[in-house]
Every structure is written in C-alpha cells, then in structure tokens.
Amino acid sequence: EIAAEEDNIKIAKVNVDDSPDLARRYEIMSIPALIVFENGEPAKKLIGAKPKGALLEEIGEFL
C-alpha cells in the first residue's frame, strides 16, 4: 500500500530463506524486518509487524 501511495520511495521484498547472504549482511535475525536505505546505506531498521500508521510514523522522515 505504501509503495503505491508514495512516489519517492521504492519498496523491495526479499525472502531471507532464498537470500541468506542478505540476511547475514544486514543482520536480520527476526522477520518481518524493514530496512530503510538512504544514499545506498542502511539508515533505519524496524523489526516486527506494525500497522500502516505506525510504519508511516517510523519512516516519515524519509518520505
């Protein structure tokens, strides 16, 4: 939903079982996990399921 509503953000879904190297690289120990990248670098990491409103509050500074 957020990807469809926000033009200035790209969202990618990665299955950590299919990409364990990425899970290790970004230290993903629990899912779901959301990593916000800014200028190609991780800027914020969120762990756990959150309602849309809470996610928007957490990542609002990047939108």
Protein backbone atom coordinates (compact mmCIF):
# COMPACT_ATOMS: atom_id res chain seq x y z
CA GLU A 1 0.00 0.00 0.00
CA ILE A 2 2.70 2.47 0.99
CA ALA A 3 4.64 1.87 -2.23
CA ALA A 4 1.53 2.64 -4.28
CA GLU A 5 0.80 5.82 -2.33
CA GLU A 6 4.31 7.29 -2.11
CA ASP A 7 6.13 8.25 -5.30
CA ASN A 8 9.50 8.98 -3.72
CA ILE A 9 10.13 5.60 -2.11
CA LYS A 10 10.99 2.18 -3.55
CA ILE A 11 10.00 -0.93 -1.64
CA ALA A 12 11.51 -4.34 -2.27
CA LYS A 13 10.52 -7.61 -0.65
CA VAL A 14 13.24 -10.19 -0.02
CA ASN A 15 12.72 -13.73 1.21
CA VAL A 16 15.57 -14.37 3.66
CA ASP A 17 15.29 -18.12 3.07
CA ASP A 18 16.09 -17.52 -0.60
CA SER A 19 18.73 -14.86 0.15
CA PRO A 20 20.52 -15.84 3.38
CA ASP A 21 23.56 -13.77 2.35
CA LEU A 22 21.47 -10.58 2.51
CA ALA A 23 20.03 -11.62 5.87
CA ARG A 24 23.56 -12.02 7.25
CA ARG A 25 24.84 -8.85 5.62
CA TYR A 26 22.11 -6.72 7.20
CA GLU A 27 21.91 -8.76 10.43
CA ILE A 28 18.28 -9.80 10.01
CA MET A 29 17.55 -12.15 12.92
CA SER A 30 13.76 -11.77 13.02
CA ILE A 31 11.07 -11.27 10.44
CA PRO A 32 9.34 -9.23 9.31
CA ALA A 33 12.10 -6.65 9.11
CA LEU A 34 12.24 -3.35 7.27
CA ILE A 35 15.45 -1.55 6.44
CA VAL A 36 15.30 1.99 5.13
CA PHE A 37 18.24 2.92 2.92
CA GLU A 38 19.34 6.47 2.29
CA ASN A 39 22.08 7.18 -0.25
CA GLY A 40 22.68 3.44 -0.57
CA GLU A 41 23.34 2.90 3.15
CA PRO A 42 21.06 1.49 5.86
CA ALA A 43 19.55 4.44 7.73
CA LYS A 44 16.91 2.76 9.90
CA LYS A 45 15.90 -0.80 10.78
CA LEU A 46 12.46 -1.82 12.03
CA ILE A 47 11.70 -5.30 13.34
CA GLY A 48 8.26 -6.83 13.78
CA ALA A 49 4.84 -6.40 12.23
CA LYS A 50 3.42 -2.90 12.57
CA PRO A 51 0.19 -1.32 11.36
CA LYS A 52 0.45 1.02 8.38
CA GLY A 53 0.08 4.16 10.51
CA ALA A 54 2.93 3.13 12.80
CA LEU A 55 5.16 2.35 9.81
CA LEU A 56 4.44 5.74 8.27
CA GLU A 57 5.36 7.44 11.56
CA GLU A 58 8.61 5.48 11.74
CA ILE A 59 9.69 6.17 8.15
CA GLY A 60 8.06 9.57 7.69
CA GLU A 61 11.37 11.41 7.78
CA PHE A 62 12.44 9.50 4.65
CA LEU A 63 9.28 10.19 2.62
